[in-house]
N, C-alpha and C. Protein backbone atom coordinates (compact mmCIF):
# COMPACT_ATOMS: atom_id res chain seq x y z
N MET A 1 -1.66 -23.51 13.94
CA MET A 1 -0.56 -22.86 13.29
C MET A 1 -0.65 -21.34 13.44
N LYS A 2 -1.85 -20.77 13.22
CA LYS A 2 -2.02 -19.33 13.36
C LYS A 2 -1.77 -18.88 14.79
N LYS A 3 -2.20 -19.70 15.76
CA LYS A 3 -2.00 -19.34 17.16
C LYS A 3 -0.51 -19.28 17.48
N ARG A 4 0.24 -20.25 16.94
CA ARG A 4 1.69 -20.26 17.20
C ARG A 4 2.35 -19.03 16.58
N LEU A 5 1.95 -18.66 15.35
CA LEU A 5 2.53 -17.50 14.71
C LEU A 5 2.20 -16.23 15.48
N LEU A 6 0.97 -16.11 15.95
CA LEU A 6 0.57 -14.94 16.71
C LEU A 6 1.36 -14.87 18.01
N LEU A 7 1.51 -15.99 18.69
CA LEU A 7 2.28 -16.04 19.93
C LEU A 7 3.73 -15.66 19.67
N LEU A 8 4.32 -16.18 18.58
CA LEU A 8 5.70 -15.85 18.24
C LEU A 8 5.83 -14.36 17.97
N SER A 9 4.87 -13.79 17.22
CA SER A 9 4.90 -12.36 16.93
C SER A 9 4.84 -11.53 18.20
N LEU A 10 3.95 -11.92 19.12
CA LEU A 10 3.84 -11.20 20.40
C LEU A 10 5.12 -11.31 21.20
N MET A 11 5.74 -12.49 21.18
CA MET A 11 6.98 -12.68 21.92
C MET A 11 8.08 -11.80 21.35
N VAL A 12 8.16 -11.69 20.00
CA VAL A 12 9.19 -10.85 19.38
C VAL A 12 8.97 -9.40 19.75
N VAL A 13 7.73 -8.91 19.65
CA VAL A 13 7.45 -7.52 19.98
C VAL A 13 7.72 -7.25 21.45
N MET A 14 7.22 -8.13 22.33
CA MET A 14 7.41 -7.92 23.76
C MET A 14 8.88 -8.03 24.12
N GLY A 15 9.58 -8.99 23.50
CA GLY A 15 10.99 -9.16 23.78
C GLY A 15 11.79 -7.95 23.36
N ASN A 16 11.45 -7.39 22.19
CA ASN A 16 12.16 -6.24 21.68
C ASN A 16 11.95 -5.03 22.57
N LEU A 17 10.72 -4.74 22.91
CA LEU A 17 10.43 -3.54 23.67
C LEU A 17 10.82 -3.66 25.14
N SER A 18 10.99 -4.87 25.62
CA SER A 18 11.44 -5.01 27.00
C SER A 18 12.94 -4.80 27.13
N MET A 19 13.66 -4.75 25.98
CA MET A 19 15.11 -4.55 26.03
C MET A 19 15.47 -3.13 26.44
N GLY A 20 14.57 -2.20 26.23
CA GLY A 20 14.93 -0.83 26.53
C GLY A 20 13.71 0.05 26.64
N GLU A 21 13.90 1.29 26.28
CA GLU A 21 12.86 2.29 26.41
C GLU A 21 11.82 2.17 25.31
N ASN A 22 10.71 2.88 25.48
CA ASN A 22 9.70 2.95 24.43
C ASN A 22 10.17 3.92 23.35
N PHE A 23 9.49 3.84 22.20
CA PHE A 23 9.79 4.77 21.12
C PHE A 23 9.20 6.14 21.45
N LYS A 24 9.75 7.17 20.84
CA LYS A 24 9.17 8.50 20.87
C LYS A 24 8.30 8.61 19.63
N GLU A 25 7.00 8.79 19.83
CA GLU A 25 6.05 8.81 18.70
C GLU A 25 6.41 9.89 17.70
N GLY A 26 6.22 9.56 16.42
CA GLY A 26 6.46 10.54 15.37
C GLY A 26 6.90 9.88 14.07
N ILE A 27 7.17 10.72 13.08
CA ILE A 27 7.67 10.26 11.79
C ILE A 27 9.09 10.78 11.65
N TYR A 28 10.02 9.86 11.35
CA TYR A 28 11.44 10.19 11.31
C TYR A 28 12.05 9.80 9.97
N LEU A 29 12.99 10.63 9.52
CA LEU A 29 13.68 10.37 8.26
C LEU A 29 15.05 9.79 8.55
N GLY A 30 15.49 8.90 7.66
CA GLY A 30 16.82 8.32 7.78
C GLY A 30 17.36 8.06 6.39
N SER A 31 18.69 8.09 6.28
CA SER A 31 19.30 7.80 4.98
C SER A 31 20.58 7.02 5.21
N ALA A 32 21.00 6.32 4.16
CA ALA A 32 22.25 5.55 4.19
C ALA A 32 22.64 5.25 2.75
N ASN A 33 23.88 4.89 2.56
CA ASN A 33 24.35 4.52 1.23
C ASN A 33 23.91 3.12 0.89
N GLY A 34 23.38 2.95 -0.32
CA GLY A 34 23.05 1.64 -0.86
C GLY A 34 24.20 1.15 -1.71
N TYR A 35 23.90 0.43 -2.78
CA TYR A 35 24.93 -0.09 -3.65
C TYR A 35 25.55 1.01 -4.49
N LYS A 36 24.71 1.92 -5.03
CA LYS A 36 25.20 2.96 -5.91
C LYS A 36 25.03 4.37 -5.37
N GLY A 37 24.14 4.55 -4.45
CA GLY A 37 23.88 5.90 -3.96
C GLY A 37 23.03 5.89 -2.71
N GLU A 38 22.49 7.05 -2.40
CA GLU A 38 21.76 7.23 -1.15
C GLU A 38 20.34 6.67 -1.21
N ILE A 39 19.94 6.04 -0.11
CA ILE A 39 18.58 5.54 0.08
C ILE A 39 17.99 6.31 1.25
N LYS A 40 16.78 6.87 1.06
CA LYS A 40 16.11 7.63 2.12
C LYS A 40 14.81 6.93 2.49
N VAL A 41 14.54 6.87 3.79
CA VAL A 41 13.31 6.25 4.28
C VAL A 41 12.60 7.17 5.25
N GLU A 42 11.32 6.89 5.43
CA GLU A 42 10.47 7.57 6.42
C GLU A 42 9.92 6.48 7.32
N VAL A 43 10.14 6.61 8.62
CA VAL A 43 9.69 5.59 9.58
C VAL A 43 8.71 6.24 10.55
N LYS A 44 7.54 5.62 10.68
CA LYS A 44 6.52 6.09 11.62
C LYS A 44 6.57 5.21 12.85
N LEU A 45 6.75 5.85 14.03
CA LEU A 45 6.82 5.12 15.30
C LEU A 45 5.65 5.51 16.19
N SER A 46 5.06 4.49 16.83
CA SER A 46 4.14 4.76 17.92
C SER A 46 4.92 4.49 19.20
N LYS A 47 4.29 4.60 20.33
CA LYS A 47 5.00 4.41 21.60
C LYS A 47 5.63 3.02 21.72
N ASP A 48 4.93 1.99 21.19
CA ASP A 48 5.41 0.63 21.42
C ASP A 48 5.71 -0.18 20.17
N LYS A 49 5.71 0.46 18.96
CA LYS A 49 6.05 -0.33 17.78
C LYS A 49 6.40 0.55 16.59
N ILE A 50 7.04 -0.10 15.61
CA ILE A 50 7.30 0.54 14.32
C ILE A 50 6.01 0.38 13.53
N GLU A 51 5.35 1.49 13.22
CA GLU A 51 4.04 1.46 12.57
C GLU A 51 4.12 1.32 11.06
N ASP A 52 5.07 2.06 10.45
CA ASP A 52 5.14 2.07 8.99
C ASP A 52 6.54 2.46 8.55
N ILE A 53 6.93 1.97 7.37
CA ILE A 53 8.21 2.32 6.76
C ILE A 53 7.97 2.56 5.28
N LYS A 54 8.44 3.70 4.80
CA LYS A 54 8.35 4.03 3.37
C LYS A 54 9.73 4.38 2.85
N VAL A 55 10.11 3.76 1.74
CA VAL A 55 11.34 4.17 1.07
C VAL A 55 10.94 5.33 0.17
N ILE A 56 11.50 6.52 0.46
CA ILE A 56 11.06 7.71 -0.28
C ILE A 56 11.99 8.06 -1.44
N SER A 57 13.23 7.57 -1.43
CA SER A 57 14.09 7.72 -2.59
C SER A 57 15.14 6.62 -2.60
N ASN A 58 15.49 6.21 -3.81
CA ASN A 58 16.42 5.11 -3.99
C ASN A 58 17.11 5.32 -5.33
N THR A 59 18.44 5.43 -5.32
CA THR A 59 19.18 5.67 -6.56
C THR A 59 19.88 4.41 -7.06
N ASP A 60 19.63 3.27 -6.44
CA ASP A 60 20.25 2.02 -6.89
C ASP A 60 19.59 1.53 -8.17
N THR A 61 20.20 0.53 -8.79
CA THR A 61 19.76 0.00 -10.08
C THR A 61 18.30 -0.45 -10.03
N PRO A 62 17.46 0.11 -10.91
CA PRO A 62 16.07 -0.34 -10.96
C PRO A 62 16.01 -1.84 -11.25
N ILE A 63 14.96 -2.47 -10.94
CA ILE A 63 14.69 -3.90 -11.05
C ILE A 63 15.44 -4.66 -9.96
N ILE A 64 16.77 -4.52 -9.90
CA ILE A 64 17.54 -5.25 -8.89
C ILE A 64 17.21 -4.73 -7.49
N SER A 65 17.10 -3.41 -7.34
CA SER A 65 16.85 -2.85 -6.01
C SER A 65 15.38 -2.91 -5.61
N ASP A 66 14.50 -3.25 -6.54
CA ASP A 66 13.07 -3.30 -6.20
C ASP A 66 12.76 -4.33 -5.11
N ALA A 67 13.40 -5.49 -5.18
CA ALA A 67 13.11 -6.54 -4.19
C ALA A 67 13.43 -6.10 -2.76
N PRO A 68 14.66 -5.64 -2.46
CA PRO A 68 14.91 -5.23 -1.07
C PRO A 68 14.08 -4.02 -0.63
N VAL A 69 13.81 -3.10 -1.55
CA VAL A 69 13.01 -1.91 -1.21
C VAL A 69 11.60 -2.32 -0.80
N ASN A 70 11.07 -3.38 -1.40
CA ASN A 70 9.73 -3.86 -1.07
C ASN A 70 9.71 -4.87 0.08
N ILE A 71 10.69 -5.76 0.12
CA ILE A 71 10.68 -6.86 1.08
C ILE A 71 11.15 -6.45 2.48
N ILE A 72 12.26 -5.73 2.56
CA ILE A 72 12.88 -5.46 3.87
C ILE A 72 11.98 -4.64 4.79
N PRO A 73 11.34 -3.54 4.33
CA PRO A 73 10.44 -2.84 5.25
C PRO A 73 9.33 -3.73 5.81
N LYS A 74 8.79 -4.63 4.98
CA LYS A 74 7.75 -5.55 5.45
C LYS A 74 8.29 -6.49 6.52
N LYS A 75 9.51 -7.00 6.31
CA LYS A 75 10.13 -7.91 7.30
C LYS A 75 10.42 -7.18 8.61
N VAL A 76 10.88 -5.94 8.52
CA VAL A 76 11.15 -5.16 9.73
C VAL A 76 9.85 -4.91 10.50
N LEU A 77 8.78 -4.58 9.79
CA LEU A 77 7.49 -4.38 10.45
C LEU A 77 7.00 -5.67 11.08
N GLN A 78 7.22 -6.78 10.41
CA GLN A 78 6.77 -8.09 10.90
C GLN A 78 7.53 -8.50 12.15
N THR A 79 8.85 -8.31 12.15
CA THR A 79 9.68 -8.77 13.28
C THR A 79 9.89 -7.69 14.33
N GLN A 80 9.59 -6.42 13.97
CA GLN A 80 9.86 -5.28 14.85
C GLN A 80 11.33 -5.22 15.24
N GLY A 81 12.19 -5.60 14.31
CA GLY A 81 13.63 -5.55 14.53
C GLY A 81 14.35 -5.47 13.20
N LEU A 82 15.63 -5.12 13.26
CA LEU A 82 16.43 -4.96 12.05
C LEU A 82 17.32 -6.16 11.76
N GLY A 83 17.15 -7.25 12.49
CA GLY A 83 17.95 -8.44 12.25
C GLY A 83 17.39 -9.29 11.13
N VAL A 84 17.05 -8.67 10.01
CA VAL A 84 16.47 -9.38 8.88
C VAL A 84 17.54 -9.72 7.87
N ASP A 85 17.29 -10.74 7.07
CA ASP A 85 18.24 -11.15 6.04
C ASP A 85 18.23 -10.17 4.88
N VAL A 86 19.38 -10.07 4.21
CA VAL A 86 19.45 -9.30 2.98
C VAL A 86 18.80 -10.10 1.86
N VAL A 87 18.46 -9.42 0.78
CA VAL A 87 17.86 -10.08 -0.37
C VAL A 87 18.97 -10.55 -1.29
N ALA A 88 18.96 -11.83 -1.65
CA ALA A 88 19.99 -12.40 -2.53
C ALA A 88 20.05 -11.64 -3.84
N GLY A 89 21.24 -11.30 -4.25
CA GLY A 89 21.43 -10.59 -5.50
C GLY A 89 21.36 -9.08 -5.36
N ALA A 90 21.01 -8.60 -4.18
CA ALA A 90 20.89 -7.15 -3.95
C ALA A 90 21.38 -6.81 -2.54
N THR A 91 22.54 -7.32 -2.20
CA THR A 91 23.09 -7.15 -0.85
C THR A 91 23.34 -5.68 -0.51
N GLY A 92 23.94 -4.93 -1.44
CA GLY A 92 24.26 -3.52 -1.17
C GLY A 92 23.02 -2.69 -0.90
N THR A 93 21.99 -2.87 -1.72
CA THR A 93 20.74 -2.14 -1.51
C THR A 93 20.09 -2.58 -0.21
N SER A 94 20.10 -3.90 0.06
CA SER A 94 19.51 -4.42 1.30
C SER A 94 20.15 -3.78 2.52
N ARG A 95 21.47 -3.76 2.55
CA ARG A 95 22.17 -3.16 3.69
C ARG A 95 21.87 -1.67 3.81
N GLY A 96 21.74 -1.01 2.66
CA GLY A 96 21.40 0.41 2.68
C GLY A 96 20.02 0.68 3.25
N VAL A 97 19.04 -0.14 2.87
CA VAL A 97 17.68 0.03 3.39
C VAL A 97 17.67 -0.21 4.90
N ILE A 98 18.32 -1.26 5.35
CA ILE A 98 18.37 -1.57 6.79
C ILE A 98 19.06 -0.44 7.56
N ALA A 99 20.18 0.05 7.03
CA ALA A 99 20.90 1.14 7.70
C ALA A 99 20.08 2.43 7.73
N ALA A 100 19.36 2.72 6.65
CA ALA A 100 18.53 3.93 6.61
C ALA A 100 17.41 3.85 7.64
N ILE A 101 16.78 2.67 7.76
CA ILE A 101 15.73 2.47 8.77
C ILE A 101 16.33 2.65 10.17
N ASN A 102 17.50 2.06 10.40
CA ASN A 102 18.18 2.18 11.69
C ASN A 102 18.48 3.65 12.00
N ASN A 103 18.97 4.38 11.00
CA ASN A 103 19.29 5.79 11.21
C ASN A 103 18.04 6.62 11.51
N ALA A 104 16.92 6.30 10.89
CA ALA A 104 15.67 7.01 11.18
C ALA A 104 15.24 6.77 12.62
N ILE A 105 15.31 5.51 13.05
CA ILE A 105 14.91 5.18 14.42
C ILE A 105 15.86 5.83 15.43
N LYS A 106 17.15 5.83 15.13
CA LYS A 106 18.13 6.46 16.02
C LYS A 106 17.89 7.97 16.11
N SER A 107 17.41 8.58 15.01
CA SER A 107 17.17 10.03 15.04
C SER A 107 16.03 10.40 15.98
N SER A 108 15.21 9.39 16.36
CA SER A 108 14.13 9.65 17.31
C SER A 108 14.64 9.67 18.75
N GLY A 109 15.90 9.30 18.93
CA GLY A 109 16.47 9.24 20.27
C GLY A 109 16.46 7.85 20.86
N TYR A 110 15.97 6.87 20.12
CA TYR A 110 15.91 5.48 20.61
C TYR A 110 17.31 4.91 20.66
N LYS A 111 17.68 4.30 21.78
CA LYS A 111 19.06 3.85 21.98
C LYS A 111 19.28 2.34 21.81
N THR A 112 18.26 1.53 22.02
CA THR A 112 18.42 0.08 21.95
C THR A 112 18.68 -0.36 20.51
N ASP A 113 19.61 -1.29 20.35
CA ASP A 113 19.97 -1.79 19.02
C ASP A 113 18.93 -2.81 18.54
N LEU A 114 18.12 -2.43 17.56
CA LEU A 114 17.07 -3.31 17.06
C LEU A 114 17.62 -4.46 16.21
N ARG A 115 18.89 -4.43 15.89
CA ARG A 115 19.47 -5.53 15.10
C ARG A 115 19.60 -6.81 15.93
N ARG A 116 19.44 -6.70 17.25
CA ARG A 116 19.52 -7.90 18.10
C ARG A 116 18.32 -8.81 17.93
N VAL A 117 17.20 -8.29 17.46
CA VAL A 117 16.02 -9.12 17.26
C VAL A 117 16.18 -9.80 15.91
N LYS A 118 16.35 -11.09 15.93
CA LYS A 118 16.62 -11.85 14.71
C LYS A 118 15.35 -12.39 14.10
N GLU A 119 15.36 -12.44 12.78
CA GLU A 119 14.25 -13.02 12.04
C GLU A 119 14.29 -14.54 12.23
N SER A 120 13.13 -15.15 12.38
CA SER A 120 13.11 -16.60 12.51
C SER A 120 13.48 -17.23 11.18
N LYS A 121 14.27 -18.30 11.23
CA LYS A 121 14.72 -18.97 10.02
C LYS A 121 13.62 -19.84 9.44
N GLU A 122 13.49 -19.79 8.13
CA GLU A 122 12.52 -20.65 7.46
C GLU A 122 13.05 -22.07 7.50
N LYS A 123 12.14 -23.03 7.54
CA LYS A 123 12.56 -24.42 7.53
C LYS A 123 12.60 -24.92 6.09
N PHE A 124 13.71 -25.51 5.74
CA PHE A 124 13.87 -26.06 4.41
C PHE A 124 13.78 -27.57 4.46
N THR A 125 13.31 -28.15 3.40
CA THR A 125 13.18 -29.59 3.32
C THR A 125 14.37 -30.18 2.56
N ASP A 126 14.67 -31.41 2.84
CA ASP A 126 15.73 -32.09 2.10
C ASP A 126 15.13 -32.99 1.02
N LYS A 127 13.91 -32.67 0.63
CA LYS A 127 13.22 -33.43 -0.40
C LYS A 127 13.97 -33.32 -1.72
N VAL A 128 14.16 -34.43 -2.39
CA VAL A 128 14.85 -34.47 -3.67
C VAL A 128 13.84 -34.24 -4.78
N VAL A 129 14.16 -33.30 -5.66
CA VAL A 129 13.31 -33.03 -6.81
C VAL A 129 14.03 -33.58 -8.04
N GLU A 130 13.36 -34.49 -8.72
CA GLU A 130 13.98 -35.10 -9.90
C GLU A 130 13.56 -34.35 -11.16
N HIS A 131 14.53 -34.09 -12.02
CA HIS A 131 14.28 -33.48 -13.32
C HIS A 131 14.57 -34.51 -14.39
N LYS A 132 13.73 -34.55 -15.37
CA LYS A 132 13.96 -35.47 -16.48
C LYS A 132 14.48 -34.71 -17.70
N ASP A 133 15.03 -33.53 -17.45
CA ASP A 133 15.55 -32.72 -18.54
C ASP A 133 16.97 -33.16 -18.89
N ASP A 134 17.37 -32.85 -20.10
CA ASP A 134 18.74 -33.16 -20.53
C ASP A 134 19.73 -32.15 -19.96
N VAL A 135 19.27 -30.88 -19.84
CA VAL A 135 20.15 -29.80 -19.39
C VAL A 135 19.42 -28.96 -18.36
N VAL A 136 20.09 -28.64 -17.25
CA VAL A 136 19.58 -27.69 -16.26
C VAL A 136 20.58 -26.55 -16.22
N VAL A 137 20.12 -25.33 -16.52
CA VAL A 137 20.96 -24.14 -16.53
C VAL A 137 20.68 -23.38 -15.24
N ILE A 138 21.74 -23.07 -14.50
CA ILE A 138 21.62 -22.31 -13.26
C ILE A 138 21.95 -20.85 -13.57
N GLY A 139 20.95 -20.00 -13.51
CA GLY A 139 21.15 -18.58 -13.75
C GLY A 139 20.52 -18.13 -15.05
N ALA A 140 19.66 -17.10 -14.97
CA ALA A 140 18.98 -16.60 -16.16
C ALA A 140 19.52 -15.25 -16.58
N GLY A 141 20.84 -15.10 -16.48
CA GLY A 141 21.49 -13.91 -17.03
C GLY A 141 21.74 -14.14 -18.51
N GLY A 142 22.49 -13.23 -19.13
CA GLY A 142 22.78 -13.35 -20.55
C GLY A 142 23.42 -14.68 -20.91
N ALA A 143 24.46 -15.07 -20.18
CA ALA A 143 25.17 -16.32 -20.49
C ALA A 143 24.28 -17.54 -20.28
N GLY A 144 23.54 -17.57 -19.19
CA GLY A 144 22.68 -18.71 -18.91
C GLY A 144 21.58 -18.88 -19.93
N LEU A 145 20.97 -17.76 -20.32
CA LEU A 145 19.89 -17.84 -21.31
C LEU A 145 20.41 -18.23 -22.69
N ILE A 146 21.60 -17.76 -23.05
CA ILE A 146 22.19 -18.17 -24.33
C ILE A 146 22.50 -19.66 -24.31
N ALA A 147 23.02 -20.15 -23.17
CA ALA A 147 23.30 -21.59 -23.05
C ALA A 147 22.01 -22.39 -23.18
N ALA A 148 20.94 -21.91 -22.56
CA ALA A 148 19.65 -22.62 -22.64
C ALA A 148 19.11 -22.63 -24.06
N ILE A 149 19.22 -21.51 -24.76
CA ILE A 149 18.75 -21.43 -26.14
C ILE A 149 19.54 -22.38 -27.03
N GLU A 150 20.85 -22.36 -26.88
CA GLU A 150 21.70 -23.25 -27.70
C GLU A 150 21.39 -24.72 -27.43
N ALA A 151 21.20 -25.06 -26.16
CA ALA A 151 20.87 -26.45 -25.82
C ALA A 151 19.53 -26.85 -26.44
N LYS A 152 18.56 -25.95 -26.37
CA LYS A 152 17.24 -26.22 -26.94
C LYS A 152 17.31 -26.35 -28.46
N LEU A 153 18.09 -25.48 -29.10
CA LEU A 153 18.25 -25.54 -30.56
C LEU A 153 18.92 -26.84 -31.01
N ASN A 154 19.66 -27.45 -30.09
CA ASN A 154 20.33 -28.72 -30.39
C ASN A 154 19.51 -29.91 -29.91
N GLY A 155 18.24 -29.69 -29.60
CA GLY A 155 17.32 -30.78 -29.31
C GLY A 155 17.19 -31.20 -27.86
N ALA A 156 17.82 -30.48 -26.92
CA ALA A 156 17.76 -30.87 -25.51
C ALA A 156 16.49 -30.32 -24.85
N ASN A 157 15.99 -31.05 -23.86
CA ASN A 157 14.95 -30.53 -22.97
C ASN A 157 15.67 -29.73 -21.90
N VAL A 158 15.27 -28.47 -21.70
CA VAL A 158 16.03 -27.55 -20.87
C VAL A 158 15.17 -26.97 -19.75
N THR A 159 15.76 -26.85 -18.54
CA THR A 159 15.16 -26.12 -17.44
C THR A 159 16.15 -25.05 -17.01
N VAL A 160 15.64 -23.82 -16.79
CA VAL A 160 16.47 -22.72 -16.31
C VAL A 160 16.03 -22.40 -14.89
N ILE A 161 16.99 -22.33 -13.96
CA ILE A 161 16.71 -22.01 -12.55
C ILE A 161 17.38 -20.68 -12.22
N GLU A 162 16.62 -19.75 -11.67
CA GLU A 162 17.13 -18.42 -11.33
C GLU A 162 16.77 -18.08 -9.89
N LYS A 163 17.73 -17.54 -9.11
CA LYS A 163 17.46 -17.21 -7.71
C LYS A 163 16.63 -15.95 -7.54
N MET A 164 16.70 -15.04 -8.52
CA MET A 164 15.94 -13.80 -8.41
C MET A 164 14.54 -14.00 -8.98
N ALA A 165 13.68 -13.01 -8.76
CA ALA A 165 12.30 -13.08 -9.25
C ALA A 165 12.20 -12.65 -10.71
N PHE A 166 13.34 -12.30 -11.32
CA PHE A 166 13.37 -11.82 -12.70
C PHE A 166 14.66 -12.29 -13.36
N PRO A 167 14.67 -12.41 -14.69
CA PRO A 167 15.91 -12.78 -15.38
C PRO A 167 16.81 -11.56 -15.55
N GLY A 168 18.06 -11.80 -15.85
CA GLY A 168 18.97 -10.68 -16.14
C GLY A 168 20.36 -10.87 -15.60
N GLY A 169 20.47 -11.41 -14.38
CA GLY A 169 21.79 -11.65 -13.79
C GLY A 169 22.70 -10.44 -13.84
N ASN A 170 24.00 -10.69 -14.03
CA ASN A 170 24.98 -9.60 -14.09
C ASN A 170 24.79 -8.72 -15.31
N THR A 171 24.11 -9.23 -16.32
CA THR A 171 23.87 -8.42 -17.52
C THR A 171 23.09 -7.16 -17.18
N LEU A 172 22.22 -7.22 -16.18
CA LEU A 172 21.44 -6.04 -15.78
C LEU A 172 22.31 -4.92 -15.23
N ILE A 173 23.43 -5.27 -14.62
CA ILE A 173 24.25 -4.24 -13.98
C ILE A 173 25.55 -3.96 -14.73
N SER A 174 25.82 -4.64 -15.84
CA SER A 174 27.05 -4.36 -16.57
C SER A 174 26.72 -3.45 -17.74
N GLY A 175 26.65 -2.17 -17.47
CA GLY A 175 26.28 -1.20 -18.50
C GLY A 175 27.38 -0.87 -19.46
N ALA A 176 28.61 -1.21 -19.16
CA ALA A 176 29.72 -0.82 -20.03
C ALA A 176 30.07 -1.90 -21.05
N GLU A 177 30.05 -3.14 -20.68
CA GLU A 177 30.46 -4.22 -21.57
C GLU A 177 29.41 -5.31 -21.63
N TYR A 178 29.19 -5.82 -22.81
CA TYR A 178 28.28 -6.94 -23.00
C TYR A 178 29.02 -8.04 -23.75
N ALA A 179 28.73 -9.29 -23.41
CA ALA A 179 29.32 -10.40 -24.12
C ALA A 179 28.71 -10.47 -25.51
N ALA A 180 29.50 -10.14 -26.53
CA ALA A 180 29.01 -10.16 -27.90
C ALA A 180 30.16 -10.61 -28.81
N PRO A 181 29.87 -11.32 -29.87
CA PRO A 181 30.94 -11.76 -30.77
C PRO A 181 31.55 -10.58 -31.52
N GLU A 182 32.83 -10.70 -31.81
CA GLU A 182 33.60 -9.72 -32.58
C GLU A 182 33.63 -8.34 -31.94
N ASN A 183 33.62 -8.30 -30.58
CA ASN A 183 33.76 -7.01 -29.91
C ASN A 183 35.24 -6.63 -29.85
N TRP A 184 35.54 -5.45 -29.31
CA TRP A 184 36.92 -4.96 -29.30
C TRP A 184 37.86 -5.85 -28.47
N VAL A 185 37.34 -6.47 -27.42
CA VAL A 185 38.18 -7.33 -26.59
C VAL A 185 38.59 -8.57 -27.38
N GLN A 186 37.65 -9.14 -28.08
CA GLN A 186 37.92 -10.33 -28.88
C GLN A 186 38.89 -10.01 -30.02
N LYS A 187 38.71 -8.89 -30.66
CA LYS A 187 39.59 -8.50 -31.76
C LYS A 187 41.01 -8.24 -31.27
N ARG A 188 41.15 -7.59 -30.10
CA ARG A 188 42.47 -7.33 -29.54
C ARG A 188 43.16 -8.64 -29.18
N GLY A 189 42.39 -9.62 -28.63
CA GLY A 189 42.96 -10.92 -28.29
C GLY A 189 43.40 -11.71 -29.51
N ALA A 190 42.72 -11.50 -30.62
CA ALA A 190 43.07 -12.23 -31.85
C ALA A 190 44.37 -11.71 -32.45
N LYS A 191 44.73 -10.44 -32.19
CA LYS A 191 45.95 -9.87 -32.73
C LYS A 191 47.19 -10.38 -32.01
N ARG A 192 47.04 -10.91 -30.81
CA ARG A 192 48.20 -11.34 -30.01
C ARG A 192 48.74 -12.62 -30.50
């Protein structure tokens, strides 16, 4: 298994660098718009590979933007290309990080489009997982967690499934309005 992974890694690197010219060695800065604001990166290039990537500033929503800021540079270093997937739940930040890395590499004078090197797809199983719970709640945002609590208070066995590595859902990014009883929206609707 390790030999196959090593061979695949070598093929990706060799395939990428055979598409065009070598890199110009150095450290380059790049920036792009994320979901809410500018993302800046520092990319270190050697003659034949991307050596390091650091996100040096990020104005997107904390917690939500942490995943793409940490994951995407590692994937780019691993694949030596920008054809990596965005992080679910943080598409805007993901695209901003990828674009900032691309802009840094372009500022070095490199002309070949690194987005052509695609990340290998993970293999998923069609194995069926059985739950013996009464209720399965999809999403650990405010609404999902309230539903889970209410189900549990009413005697149900509950499982909560969340796609992100942390709870919060849309509640994390809705700074203006929160679902709460007797708020102004509910009172205005009652008058009609």
